[in-house]
Amino acid sequence: MEVVAFVGPAGSGKSHRASLVAYQYGCDMIIDDGLVIRDGKILAGKSAKGEETKLAAVKRAIFLDPEHREEAKAVIWRIRPQRILILGTSVEMVERITDALDLPRPEQVVTIEEVATPAQIRLARRKRRQEGKHVIPAPTMEVKRTFPGYMVDPLRYLLRRQDQEPVPVEKSVVRPTYSALGRFYIADTVLAQIATHVAAAVPGIAQVLRVVVESRPEGVTVDLDVALRYGVPMWETMETVQVQVRDALEQMTALTVVAINVHGRRLVVE
């Protein structure tokens, strides 16, 4: 196995360009902030971006936790990729990661300045300071399993290399727990209002009687009690409510929806 180091200051846009650099240098695995990523899938690890403090995030990123380290090592050595791209703020940080995972030291070093202009780096750092956003080089559905309950937005683009067809890539934008901007919460009352509005608009629903929202670490659960109009197909109508409420909550909030439970409590004759 060979290692390529991709280094640059925190917030300079390394994760945003990780897929591009991996593509250009023929790397078939990426290690970024505690995650082991291959073919758009998070194979192992827990992201440093989910830690409560910057110190904990650094420890996570360099695999100081024994359980985290062994999980990542097991996946890497089982797959044995030909070349791995490892992101870090310095060559020394990348070397600490390779030592922790029993990998060879980097044979090549790519700096952020080689793949991004000074203006692009300044923009990335400004957005990190002002918005606290961070990119993870993996699709949104993969990242949501690592960040249940957090805002995750998809970022899609095409990778192009000379004389080859463009390759579609999806990345995800999240805001770390330890962001100086603080945590971002959506009140359960807001989620309940969204669910009520969407459910009431479904044909066949006479009234939304009760909505209970439960926010848990793994995501959001919603229980709805509804009154149905007499004569409508009950099961199909409640299934429509279930699907439309789930879609609305996921699209409007980007939160992970664990379950939408719809209960028909009453029939209304009109």
Foldseek 3Di string as FASTA:
>chain_A
DAEEEEAAAPQQCCQVCVVQVCVVVVNQWEQFQFFIDGPQAGQAGAHLLADQAPVSSLCNSLVVDPVSLVSVLVVCVVVVTPYYYYYDNDLVSVVSSCVSSVHDRHPHYHYPVVVDPPVSSVVRNVCCQPVQKDKHQHALVNVCQNQAFFAKDKDWDWHDDPPDDTDIGIIIMTHGCNRPVHGDDDDPVVLQVLLQVQLCPQPFWPHWDDWDWDQDRRWIEIETETEGEPPDDVVVSQVVSFVRSLVRCCVVRVHDYPGYHYHYDYYDYD
